[in-house]
PDB file of N, CA and C in Angstrom:
ATOM      1  N   MET A   1      10.067  11.256  13.308  1.00  0.00           N
ATOM      2  CA  MET A   1       9.333  11.719  12.096  1.00  0.00           C
ATOM      3  C   MET A   1       9.775  13.020  11.710  1.00  0.00           C
ATOM      4  N   ILE A   2       9.442  13.337  10.570  1.00  0.00           N
ATOM      5  CA  ILE A   2       9.784  14.568   9.875  1.00  0.00           C
ATOM      6  C   ILE A   2       8.948  15.805  10.310  1.00  0.00           C
ATOM      7  N   ARG A   3       9.563  16.858  10.803  1.00  0.00           N
ATOM      8  CA  ARG A   3       8.772  17.937  11.245  1.00  0.00           C
ATOM      9  C   ARG A   3       8.263  18.834  10.065  1.00  0.00           C
ATOM     10  N   ILE A   4       6.976  19.025  10.150  1.00  0.00           N
ATOM     11  CA  ILE A   4       6.208  19.832   9.136  1.00  0.00           C
ATOM     12  C   ILE A   4       5.564  21.010   9.822  1.00  0.00           C
ATOM     13  N   ASP A   5       5.989  22.117   9.495  1.00  0.00           N
ATOM     14  CA  ASP A   5       5.472  23.329  10.030  1.00  0.00           C
ATOM     15  C   ASP A   5       4.344  23.978   9.245  1.00  0.00           C
ATOM     16  N   GLN A   6       4.352  23.840   7.922  1.00  0.00           N
ATOM     17  CA  GLN A   6       3.361  24.381   7.041  1.00  0.00           C
ATOM     18  C   GLN A   6       3.132  23.528   5.862  1.00  0.00           C
ATOM     19  N   ILE A   7       1.919  23.438   5.396  1.00  0.00           N
ATOM     20  CA  ILE A   7       1.507  22.549   4.409  1.00  0.00           C
ATOM     21  C   ILE A   7       0.852  23.391   3.236  1.00  0.00           C
ATOM     22  N   TRP A   8       1.290  23.147   2.044  1.00  0.00           N
ATOM     23  CA  TRP A   8       0.900  24.060   0.916  1.00  0.00           C
ATOM     24  C   TRP A   8       0.265  23.073  -0.160  1.00  0.00           C
ATOM     25  N   LEU A   9      -0.811  23.483  -0.684  1.00  0.00           N
ATOM     26  CA  LEU A   9      -1.498  22.659  -1.769  1.00  0.00           C
ATOM     27  C   LEU A   9      -1.410  23.543  -3.098  1.00  0.00           C
ATOM     28  N   ALA A  10      -0.866  22.923  -3.953  1.00  0.00           N
ATOM     29  CA  ALA A  10      -0.871  23.510  -5.437  1.00  0.00           C
ATOM     30  C   ALA A  10      -1.999  22.997  -6.215  1.00  0.00           C
ATOM     31  N   VAL A  11      -2.723  23.980  -6.832  1.00  0.00           N
ATOM     32  CA  VAL A  11      -4.057  23.600  -7.423  1.00  0.00           C
ATOM     33  C   VAL A  11      -3.839  23.060  -8.924  1.00  0.00           C
ATOM     34  N   GLU A  12      -2.770  23.504  -9.489  1.00  0.00           N
ATOM     35  CA  GLU A  12      -2.550  23.061 -10.922  1.00  0.00           C
ATOM     36  C   GLU A  12      -2.173  21.588 -10.923  1.00  0.00           C
ATOM     37  N   PRO A  13      -2.632  20.760 -11.761  1.00  0.00           N
ATOM     38  CA  PRO A  13      -2.299  19.381 -11.965  1.00  0.00           C
ATOM     39  C   PRO A  13      -0.800  19.150 -12.207  1.00  0.00           C
ATOM     40  N   MET A  14      -0.175  18.089 -11.691  1.00  0.00           N
ATOM     41  CA  MET A  14       1.203  17.782 -12.071  1.00  0.00           C
ATOM     42  C   MET A  14       1.177  16.324 -12.494  1.00  0.00           C
ATOM     43  N   ASP A  15       2.090  16.148 -13.456  1.00  0.00           N
ATOM     44  CA  ASP A  15       2.436  14.837 -14.112  1.00  0.00           C
ATOM     45  C   ASP A  15       2.876  13.864 -13.127  1.00  0.00           C
ATOM     46  N   MET A  16       2.283  12.796 -12.698  1.00  0.00           N
ATOM     47  CA  MET A  16       2.687  11.958 -11.538  1.00  0.00           C
ATOM     48  C   MET A  16       3.998  11.073 -11.932  1.00  0.00           C
ATOM     49  N   ARG A  17       4.433  11.165 -13.131  1.00  0.00           N
ATOM     50  CA  ARG A  17       5.694  10.550 -13.551  1.00  0.00           C
ATOM     51  C   ARG A  17       6.795  11.372 -13.112  1.00  0.00           C
ATOM     52  N   ALA A  18       6.617  12.597 -12.706  1.00  0.00           N
ATOM     53  CA  ALA A  18       7.621  13.606 -12.098  1.00  0.00           C
ATOM     54  C   ALA A  18       8.398  12.974 -11.043  1.00  0.00           C
ATOM     55  N   GLY A  19       9.752  13.134 -11.142  1.00  0.00           N
ATOM     56  CA  GLY A  19      10.571  12.737  -9.944  1.00  0.00           C
ATOM     57  C   GLY A  19      10.873  13.875  -9.025  1.00  0.00           C
ATOM     58  N   THR A  20      11.870  13.682  -8.178  1.00  0.00           N
ATOM     59  CA  THR A  20      12.237  14.624  -7.187  1.00  0.00           C
ATOM     60  C   THR A  20      12.715  15.902  -7.842  1.00  0.00           C
ATOM     61  N   GLU A  21      13.520  15.927  -8.774  1.00  0.00           N
ATOM     62  CA  GLU A  21      14.034  17.163  -9.381  1.00  0.00           C
ATOM     63  C   GLU A  21      12.916  17.995 -10.171  1.00  0.00           C
ATOM     64  N   THR A  22      12.036  17.299 -10.804  1.00  0.00           N
ATOM     65  CA  THR A  22      10.831  17.940 -11.458  1.00  0.00           C
ATOM     66  C   THR A  22       9.908  18.534 -10.418  1.00  0.00           C
ATOM     67  N   ALA A  23       9.691  17.745  -9.318  1.00  0.00           N
ATOM     68  CA  ALA A  23       8.807  18.303  -8.191  1.00  0.00           C
ATOM     69  C   ALA A  23       9.421  19.565  -7.532  1.00  0.00           C
ATOM     70  N   LEU A  24      10.749  19.458  -7.340  1.00  0.00           N
ATOM     71  CA  LEU A  24      11.412  20.590  -6.831  1.00  0.00           C
ATOM     72  C   LEU A  24      11.314  21.844  -7.592  1.00  0.00           C
ATOM     73  N   ALA A  25      11.564  21.675  -8.927  1.00  0.00           N
ATOM     74  CA  ALA A  25      11.417  22.762  -9.852  1.00  0.00           C
ATOM     75  C   ALA A  25      10.002  23.273  -9.860  1.00  0.00           C
ATOM     76  N   ARG A  26       9.032  22.443  -9.779  1.00  0.00           N
ATOM     77  CA  ARG A  26       7.578  22.930  -9.699  1.00  0.00           C
ATOM     78  C   ARG A  26       7.308  23.739  -8.502  1.00  0.00           C
ATOM     79  N   VAL A  27       7.823  23.260  -7.355  1.00  0.00           N
ATOM     80  CA  VAL A  27       7.615  23.970  -6.080  1.00  0.00           C
ATOM     81  C   VAL A  27       8.312  25.414  -6.144  1.00  0.00           C
ATOM     82  N   VAL A  28       9.473  25.500  -6.729  1.00  0.00           N
ATOM     83  CA  VAL A  28      10.111  26.686  -6.830  1.00  0.00           C
ATOM     84  C   VAL A  28       9.325  27.687  -7.810  1.00  0.00           C
ATOM     85  N   LYS A  29       8.833  27.124  -8.908  1.00  0.00           N
ATOM     86  CA  LYS A  29       7.927  27.876  -9.823  1.00  0.00           C
ATOM     87  C   LYS A  29       6.749  28.327  -9.179  1.00  0.00           C
ATOM     88  N   VAL A  30       5.944  27.487  -8.442  1.00  0.00           N
ATOM     89  CA  VAL A  30       4.698  27.862  -7.906  1.00  0.00           C
ATOM     90  C   VAL A  30       4.776  28.717  -6.752  1.00  0.00           C
ATOM     91  N   PHE A  31       5.673  28.210  -5.715  1.00  0.00           N
ATOM     92  CA  PHE A  31       5.731  28.939  -4.436  1.00  0.00           C
ATOM     93  C   PHE A  31       6.940  29.869  -4.233  1.00  0.00           C
ATOM     94  N   GLY A  32       7.806  29.935  -5.119  1.00  0.00           N
ATOM     95  CA  GLY A  32       8.982  30.837  -5.113  1.00  0.00           C
ATOM     96  C   GLY A  32      10.155  30.233  -4.434  1.00  0.00           C
ATOM     97  N   ALA A  33      10.051  29.240  -3.588  1.00  0.00           N
ATOM     98  CA  ALA A  33      11.255  28.662  -3.022  1.00  0.00           C
ATOM     99  C   ALA A  33      10.834  27.380  -2.172  1.00  0.00           C
ATOM    100  N   VAL A  34      11.706  26.494  -1.938  1.00  0.00           N
ATOM    101  CA  VAL A  34      11.397  25.309  -1.158  1.00  0.00           C
ATOM    102  C   VAL A  34      11.941  25.669   0.182  1.00  0.00           C
ATOM    103  N   GLN A  35      10.882  25.817   1.154  1.00  0.00           N
ATOM    104  CA  GLN A  35      11.308  26.180   2.575  1.00  0.00           C
ATOM    105  C   GLN A  35      11.447  25.027   3.519  1.00  0.00           C
ATOM    106  N   PRO A  36      12.451  24.939   4.423  1.00  0.00           N
ATOM    107  CA  PRO A  36      12.588  23.806   5.348  1.00  0.00           C
ATOM    108  C   PRO A  36      11.422  23.651   6.152  1.00  0.00           C
ATOM    109  N   HIS A  37      10.996  22.340   6.364  1.00  0.00           N
ATOM    110  CA  HIS A  37       9.915  21.990   7.225  1.00  0.00           C
ATOM    111  C   HIS A  37       8.447  22.451   6.586  1.00  0.00           C
ATOM    112  N   HIS A  38       8.508  22.481   5.325  1.00  0.00           N
ATOM    113  CA  HIS A  38       7.289  22.753   4.607  1.00  0.00           C
ATOM    114  C   HIS A  38       6.982  21.454   3.713  1.00  0.00           C
ATOM    115  N   ALA A  39       5.617  21.307   3.575  1.00  0.00           N
ATOM    116  CA  ALA A  39       5.178  20.211   2.686  1.00  0.00           C
ATOM    117  C   ALA A  39       4.411  20.835   1.568  1.00  0.00           C
ATOM    118  N   TYR A  40       4.608  20.220   0.263  1.00  0.00           N
ATOM    119  CA  TYR A  40       3.983  20.712  -0.794  1.00  0.00           C
ATOM    120  C   TYR A  40       3.264  19.728  -1.435  1.00  0.00           C
ATOM    121  N   LEU A  41       1.921  19.865  -1.863  1.00  0.00           N
ATOM    122  CA  LEU A  41       1.068  18.704  -2.248  1.00  0.00           C
ATOM    123  C   LEU A  41       0.616  19.030  -3.700  1.00  0.00           C
ATOM    124  N   PHE A  42       0.692  18.010  -4.522  1.00  0.00           N
ATOM    125  CA  PHE A  42       0.285  18.106  -5.812  1.00  0.00           C
ATOM    126  C   PHE A  42      -0.554  16.860  -6.286  1.00  0.00           C
ATOM    127  N   ALA A  43      -1.456  16.980  -7.181  1.00  0.00           N
ATOM    128  CA  ALA A  43      -2.307  15.948  -7.567  1.00  0.00           C
ATOM    129  C   ALA A  43      -2.319  15.961  -9.142  1.00  0.00           C
ATOM    130  N   ASN A  44      -2.694  14.771  -9.766  1.00  0.00           N
ATOM    131  CA  ASN A  44      -2.849  14.695 -11.250  1.00  0.00           C
ATOM    132  C   ASN A  44      -4.168  15.276 -11.616  1.00  0.00           C
ATOM    133  N   ARG A  45      -4.409  15.312 -12.847  1.00  0.00           N
ATOM    134  CA  ARG A  45      -5.519  15.923 -13.527  1.00  0.00           C
ATOM    135  C   ARG A  45      -6.919  15.229 -12.988  1.00  0.00           C
ATOM    136  N   ARG A  46      -6.863  13.863 -12.835  1.00  0.00           N
ATOM    137  CA  ARG A  46      -8.014  13.356 -12.335  1.00  0.00           C
ATOM    138  C   ARG A  46      -8.181  13.421 -10.775  1.00  0.00           C
ATOM    139  N   ALA A  47      -7.137  13.830 -10.120  1.00  0.00           N
ATOM    140  CA  ALA A  47      -7.171  13.909  -8.674  1.00  0.00           C
ATOM    141  C   ALA A  47      -7.360  12.658  -7.844  1.00  0.00           C
ATOM    142  N   ASN A  48      -6.829  11.531  -8.526  1.00  0.00           N
ATOM    143  CA  ASN A  48      -6.816  10.280  -7.871  1.00  0.00           C
ATOM    144  C   ASN A  48      -5.456   9.746  -7.374  1.00  0.00           C
ATOM    145  N   ARG A  49      -4.444  10.634  -7.734  1.00  0.00           N
ATOM    146  CA  ARG A  49      -3.149  10.449  -7.313  1.00  0.00           C
ATOM    147  C   ARG A  49      -2.563  11.654  -6.733  1.00  0.00           C
ATOM    148  N   LEU A  50      -1.737  11.579  -5.670  1.00  0.00           N
ATOM    149  CA  LEU A  50      -1.214  12.738  -4.940  1.00  0.00           C
ATOM    150  C   LEU A  50       0.273  12.508  -4.733  1.00  0.00           C
ATOM    151  N   LYS A  51       1.064  13.613  -4.852  1.00  0.00           N
ATOM    152  CA  LYS A  51       2.477  13.591  -4.469  1.00  0.00           C
ATOM    153  C   LYS A  51       2.749  14.711  -3.459  1.00  0.00           C
ATOM    154  N   VAL A  52       3.584  14.440  -2.396  1.00  0.00           N
ATOM    155  CA  VAL A  52       3.948  15.353  -1.549  1.00  0.00           C
ATOM    156  C   VAL A  52       5.470  15.476  -1.508  1.00  0.00           C
ATOM    157  N   LEU A  53       5.951  16.686  -1.486  1.00  0.00           N
ATOM    158  CA  LEU A  53       7.309  16.933  -1.433  1.00  0.00           C
ATOM    159  C   LEU A  53       7.565  17.601  -0.083  1.00  0.00           C
ATOM    160  N   VAL A  54       8.523  17.075   0.738  1.00  0.00           N
ATOM    161  CA  VAL A  54       8.818  17.724   2.133  1.00  0.00           C
ATOM    162  C   VAL A  54      10.275  17.974   2.135  1.00  0.00           C
ATOM    163  N   HIS A  55      10.613  19.158   2.612  1.00  0.00           N
ATOM    164  CA  HIS A  55      12.016  19.461   2.762  1.00  0.00           C
ATOM    165  C   HIS A  55      12.246  19.415   4.315  1.00  0.00           C
ATOM    166  N   ASP A  56      13.124  18.553   4.760  1.00  0.00           N
ATOM    167  CA  ASP A  56      13.222  18.269   6.162  1.00  0.00           C
ATOM    168  C   ASP A  56      14.413  19.118   6.847  1.00  0.00           C
ATOM    169  N   GLY A  57      15.046  20.014   6.068  1.00  0.00           N
ATOM    170  CA  GLY A  57      16.043  20.832   6.546  1.00  0.00           C
ATOM    171  C   GLY A  57      17.410  20.516   6.015  1.00  0.00           C
ATOM    172  N   MET A  58      17.513  19.093   5.636  1.00  0.00           N
ATOM    173  CA  MET A  58      18.631  18.696   5.198  1.00  0.00           C
ATOM    174  C   MET A  58      18.597  18.064   3.736  1.00  0.00           C
ATOM    175  N   GLY A  59      17.485  17.702   3.421  1.00  0.00           N
ATOM    176  CA  GLY A  59      17.253  17.168   2.112  1.00  0.00           C
ATOM    177  C   GLY A  59      15.609  17.109   1.759  1.00  0.00           C
ATOM    178  N   VAL A  60      15.295  16.388   0.809  1.00  0.00           N
ATOM    179  CA  VAL A  60      13.845  16.411   0.405  1.00  0.00           C
ATOM    180  C   VAL A  60      13.313  14.910   0.237  1.00  0.00           C
ATOM    181  N   TRP A  61      12.064  14.903   0.696  1.00  0.00           N
ATOM    182  CA  TRP A  61      11.323  13.626   0.599  1.00  0.00           C
ATOM    183  C   TRP A  61      10.317  13.744  -0.471  1.00  0.00           C
ATOM    184  N   LEU A  62      10.052  12.702  -1.228  1.00  0.00           N
ATOM    185  CA  LEU A  62       8.925  12.708  -2.155  1.00  0.00           C
ATOM    186  C   LEU A  62       8.174  11.452  -2.048  1.00  0.00           C
ATOM    187  N   ALA A  63       6.823  11.605  -1.647  1.00  0.00           N
ATOM    188  CA  ALA A  63       6.012  10.536  -1.492  1.00  0.00           C
ATOM    189  C   ALA A  63       4.846  10.656  -2.347  1.00  0.00           C
ATOM    190  N   ALA A  64       4.199   9.450  -2.665  1.00  0.00           N
ATOM    191  CA  ALA A  64       2.973   9.423  -3.544  1.00  0.00           C
ATOM    192  C   ALA A  64       1.926   8.608  -2.849  1.00  0.00           C
ATOM    193  N   ARG A  65       0.665   8.858  -3.260  1.00  0.00           N
ATOM    194  CA  ARG A  65      -0.471   8.179  -2.697  1.00  0.00           C
ATOM    195  C   ARG A  65      -1.439   8.084  -3.853  1.00  0.00           C
ATOM    196  N   ARG A  66      -2.074   6.887  -3.974  1.00  0.00           N
ATOM    197  CA  ARG A  66      -3.145   6.604  -5.042  1.00  0.00           C
ATOM    198  C   ARG A  66      -4.451   6.066  -4.336  1.00  0.00           C
ATOM    199  N   LEU A  67      -5.451   6.616  -4.729  1.00  0.00           N
ATOM    200  CA  LEU A  67      -6.746   6.012  -4.305  1.00  0.00           C
ATOM    201  C   LEU A  67      -7.216   5.102  -5.361  1.00  0.00           C
ATOM    202  N   HIS A  68      -7.694   3.878  -4.929  1.00  0.00           N
ATOM    203  CA  HIS A  68      -8.109   2.946  -5.859  1.00  0.00           C
ATOM    204  C   HIS A  68      -9.550   3.208  -6.283  1.00  0.00           C
ATOM    205  N   GLN A  69     -10.290   3.918  -5.457  1.00  0.00           N
ATOM    206  CA  GLN A  69     -11.621   4.294  -5.991  1.00  0.00           C
ATOM    207  C   GLN A  69     -11.837   5.754  -5.521  1.00  0.00           C
ATOM    208  N   GLY A  70     -12.537   6.364  -6.365  1.00  0.00           N
ATOM    209  CA  GLY A  70     -12.794   7.893  -6.098  1.00  0.00           C
ATOM    210  C   GLY A  70     -11.699   8.788  -6.336  1.00  0.00           C
ATOM    211  N   GLY A  71     -11.718   9.951  -5.774  1.00  0.00           N
ATOM    212  CA  GLY A  71     -10.631  10.789  -5.891  1.00  0.00           C
ATOM    213  C   GLY A  71     -10.394  11.740  -4.768  1.00  0.00           C
ATOM    214  N   PHE A  72      -9.327  12.528  -4.730  1.00  0.00           N
ATOM    215  CA  PHE A  72      -9.109  13.516  -3.645  1.00  0.00           C
ATOM    216  C   PHE A  72      -9.949  14.609  -3.809  1.00  0.00           C
ATOM    217  N   THR A  73     -10.427  15.329  -2.832  1.00  0.00           N
ATOM    218  CA  THR A  73     -11.151  16.632  -3.035  1.00  0.00           C
ATOM    219  C   THR A  73     -10.103  17.581  -3.241  1.00  0.00           C
ATOM    220  N   TRP A  74     -10.122  18.207  -4.574  1.00  0.00           N
ATOM    221  CA  TRP A  74      -9.181  19.051  -4.932  1.00  0.00           C
ATOM    222  C   TRP A  74      -9.743  20.433  -5.496  1.00  0.00           C
ATOM    223  N   PRO A  75      -9.234  21.546  -5.136  1.00  0.00           N
ATOM    224  CA  PRO A  75      -9.802  22.823  -5.782  1.00  0.00           C
ATOM    225  C   PRO A  75      -9.612  22.888  -7.172  1.00  0.00           C
ATOM    226  N   ARG A  76     -10.384  23.723  -7.786  1.00  0.00           N
ATOM    227  CA  ARG A  76     -10.325  23.996  -9.117  1.00  0.00           C
ATOM    228  C   ARG A  76      -8.881  24.537  -9.494  1.00  0.00           C
ATOM    229  N   SER A  77      -8.462  24.237 -10.789  1.00  0.00           N
ATOM    230  CA  SER A  77      -7.163  24.769 -11.209  1.00  0.00           C
ATOM    231  C   SER A  77      -7.118  26.302 -11.389  1.00  0.00           C
ATOM    232  N   ASP A  78      -8.238  27.000 -11.522  1.00  0.00           N
ATOM    233  CA  ASP A  78      -8.138  28.461 -11.656  1.00  0.00           C
ATOM    234  C   ASP A  78      -8.137  29.189 -10.272  1.00  0.00           C
ATOM    235  N   GLY A  79      -8.104  28.406  -9.234  1.00  0.00           N
ATOM    236  CA  GLY A  79      -8.100  28.972  -7.887  1.00  0.00           C
ATOM    237  C   GLY A  79      -6.562  29.276  -7.403  1.00  0.00           C
ATOM    238  N   ALA A  80      -6.412  29.878  -6.336  1.00  0.00           N
ATOM    239  CA  ALA A  80      -5.116  30.139  -5.675  1.00  0.00           C
ATOM    240  C   ALA A  80      -4.596  28.943  -4.954  1.00  0.00           C
ATOM    241  N   ASP A  81      -3.221  28.819  -4.824  1.00  0.00           N
ATOM    242  CA  ASP A  81      -2.617  27.891  -3.948  1.00  0.00           C
ATOM    243  C   ASP A  81      -3.060  28.073  -2.583  1.00  0.00           C
ATOM    244  N   GLN A  82      -3.138  27.012  -1.832  1.00  0.00           N
ATOM    245  CA  GLN A  82      -3.735  27.220  -0.445  1.00  0.00           C
ATOM    246  C   GLN A  82      -2.843  26.589   0.564  1.00  0.00           C
ATOM    247  N   LYS A  83      -2.945  27.134   1.846  1.00  0.00           N
ATOM    248  CA  LYS A  83      -2.279  26.744   2.991  1.00  0.00           C
ATOM    249  C   LYS A  83      -3.169  25.742   3.760  1.00  0.00           C
ATOM    250  N   LEU A  84      -2.732  24.560   4.185  1.00  0.00           N
ATOM    251  CA  LEU A  84      -3.715  23.650   4.839  1.00  0.00           C
ATOM    252  C   LEU A  84      -3.189  23.381   6.317  1.00  0.00           C
ATOM    253  N   SER A  85      -4.171  23.070   7.200  1.00  0.00           N
ATOM    254  CA  SER A  85      -3.800  22.710   8.544  1.00  0.00           C
ATOM    255  C   SER A  85      -3.396  21.259   8.619  1.00  0.00           C
ATOM    256  N   ALA A  86      -2.913  20.748   9.707  1.00  0.00           N
ATOM    257  CA  ALA A  86      -2.627  19.258   9.844  1.00  0.00           C
ATOM    258  C   ALA A  86      -3.914  18.487   9.751  1.00  0.00           C
ATOM    259  N   GLU A  87      -5.070  18.956  10.348  1.00  0.00           N
ATOM    260  CA  GLU A  87      -6.339  18.318  10.275  1.00  0.00           C
ATOM    261  C   GLU A  87      -6.819  18.193   8.825  1.00  0.00           C
ATOM    262  N   GLN A  88      -6.677  19.253   8.139  1.00  0.00           N
ATOM    263  CA  GLN A  88      -7.104  19.287   6.645  1.00  0.00           C
ATOM    264  C   GLN A  88      -6.289  18.360   5.920  1.00  0.00           C
ATOM    265  N   LEU A  89      -4.962  18.160   6.060  1.00  0.00           N
ATOM    266  CA  LEU A  89      -4.091  17.215   5.382  1.00  0.00           C
ATOM    267  C   LEU A  89      -4.642  15.859   5.768  1.00  0.00           C
ATOM    268  N   GLN A  90      -4.868  15.432   6.973  1.00  0.00           N
ATOM    269  CA  GLN A  90      -5.187  14.107   7.361  1.00  0.00           C
ATOM    270  C   GLN A  90      -6.517  13.807   6.631  1.00  0.00           C
ATOM    271  N   ALA A  91      -7.483  14.695   6.488  1.00  0.00           N
ATOM    272  CA  ALA A  91      -8.761  14.506   5.752  1.00  0.00           C
ATOM    273  C   ALA A  91      -8.482  14.281   4.270  1.00  0.00           C
ATOM    274  N   LEU A  92      -7.625  15.154   3.628  1.00  0.00           N
ATOM    275  CA  LEU A  92      -7.364  15.057   2.361  1.00  0.00           C
ATOM    276  C   LEU A  92      -6.773  13.724   1.892  1.00  0.00           C
ATOM    277  N   VAL A  93      -5.759  13.275   2.562  1.00  0.00           N
ATOM    278  CA  VAL A  93      -5.135  12.060   2.274  1.00  0.00           C
ATOM    279  C   VAL A  93      -5.905  10.861   2.282  1.00  0.00           C
ATOM    280  N   ILE A  94      -7.020  10.835   2.944  1.00  0.00           N
ATOM    281  CA  ILE A  94      -7.949   9.699   2.975  1.00  0.00           C
ATOM    282  C   ILE A  94      -9.171   9.918   2.087  1.00  0.00           C
ATOM    283  N   GLY A  95      -9.196  11.028   1.387  1.00  0.00           N
ATOM    284  CA  GLY A  95     -10.330  11.342   0.374  1.00  0.00           C
ATOM    285  C   GLY A  95     -11.354  12.019   0.986  1.00  0.00           C
ATOM    286  N   LEU A  96     -11.439  12.564   2.242  1.00  0.00           N
ATOM    287  CA  LEU A  96     -12.510  13.225   2.809  1.00  0.00           C
ATOM    288  C   LEU A  96     -12.457  14.816   2.318  1.00  0.00           C
ATOM    289  N   PRO A  97     -13.602  15.386   2.422  1.00  0.00           N
ATOM    290  CA  PRO A  97     -13.647  16.929   1.955  1.00  0.00           C
ATOM    291  C   PRO A  97     -13.044  17.692   3.023  1.00  0.00           C
ATOM    292  N   TRP A  98     -11.790  17.906   2.857  1.00  0.00           N
ATOM    293  CA  TRP A  98     -10.822  18.655   3.916  1.00  0.00           C
ATOM    294  C   TRP A  98     -11.252  20.083   3.996  1.00  0.00           C
ATOM    295  N   HIS A  99     -11.771  20.608   2.821  1.00  0.00           N
ATOM    296  CA  HIS A  99     -12.033  22.099   2.895  1.00  0.00           C
ATOM    297  C   HIS A  99     -13.228  22.435   3.867  1.00  0.00           C
ATOM    298  N   ARG A 100     -13.837  21.403   4.363  1.00  0.00           N
ATOM    299  CA  ARG A 100     -14.969  21.695   5.245  1.00  0.00           C
ATOM    300  C   ARG A 100     -14.515  21.570   6.834  1.00  0.00           C
ATOM    301  N   ILE A 101     -13.310  21.273   6.992  1.00  0.00           N
ATOM    302  CA  ILE A 101     -12.802  21.190   8.334  1.00  0.00           C
ATOM    303  C   ILE A 101     -12.233  22.529   8.760  1.00  0.00           C
ATOM    304  N   GLY A 102     -12.627  23.036   9.890  1.00  0.00           N
ATOM    305  CA  GLY A 102     -12.271  24.269  10.429  1.00  0.00           C
ATOM    306  C   GLY A 102     -10.942  24.192  11.331  1.00  0.00           C
ATOM    307  N   PRO A 103     -10.551  25.171  11.921  1.00  0.00           N
ATOM    308  CA  PRO A 103      -9.321  25.261  12.494  1.00  0.00           C
ATOM    309  C   PRO A 103      -9.118  24.376  13.701  1.00  0.00           C
ATOM    310  N   ALA A 104     -10.209  24.007  14.412  1.00  0.00           N
ATOM    311  CA  ALA A 104     -10.130  23.099  15.550  1.00  0.00           C
ATOM    312  C   ALA A 104     -10.581  21.688  15.185  1.00  0.00           C
ATOM    313  N   GLY A 105     -10.551  21.337  13.853  1.00  0.00           N
ATOM    314  CA  GLY A 105     -10.979  19.927  13.470  1.00  0.00           C
ATOM    315  C   GLY A 105     -12.427  19.813  13.417  1.00  0.00           C
ATOM    316  N   VAL A 106     -13.174  20.860  13.504  1.00  0.00           N
ATOM    317  CA  VAL A 106     -14.600  20.847  13.469  1.00  0.00           C
ATOM    318  C   VAL A 106     -15.182  21.116  12.163  1.00  0.00           C
ATOM    319  N   ILE A 107     -16.145  20.350  11.634  1.00  0.00           N
ATOM    320  CA  ILE A 107     -16.738  20.706  10.386  1.00  0.00           C
ATOM    321  C   ILE A 107     -17.729  21.775  10.588  1.00  0.00           C
ATOM    322  N   ASP A 108     -17.436  22.889   9.787  1.00  0.00           N
ATOM    323  CA  ASP A 108     -18.227  24.158  10.044  1.00  0.00           C
ATOM    324  C   ASP A 108     -18.936  24.593   8.765  1.00  0.00           C
ATOM    325  N   LEU A 109     -18.977  23.726   7.688  1.00  0.00           N
ATOM    326  CA  LEU A 109     -19.738  24.061   6.405  1.00  0.00           C
ATOM    327  C   LEU A 109     -20.381  22.857   5.944  1.00  0.00           C
ATOM    328  N   LEU A 110     -21.677  22.935   5.654  1.00  0.00           N
ATOM    329  CA  LEU A 110     -22.437  21.776   5.135  1.00  0.00           C
ATOM    330  C   LEU A 110     -22.737  21.921   3.672  1.00  0.00           C
TER     331      LEU A 110
END
């Protein structure tokens, strides 16, 4: 598997037609650089599609996920980009309210 040390969520929507080069340019614009073993998440305006770009140290991977019903819990676009834990990422990709999961995977906000 690909080692991921840090997960970053970009709050501004991204066009899901974007390919690898466009996603790379967006990561550099938003985060300043594409770091090895980091994952960068983007959603479309309706937050029902998600793209993740991962730099594995040798190249980049670009994956997409779409929910057929509902949407991903995504912060407002006027907020700051955020760092996520692995537990929060797992909750996010299945459509759960990831921002309610604390550092130990415990829901700490109702």
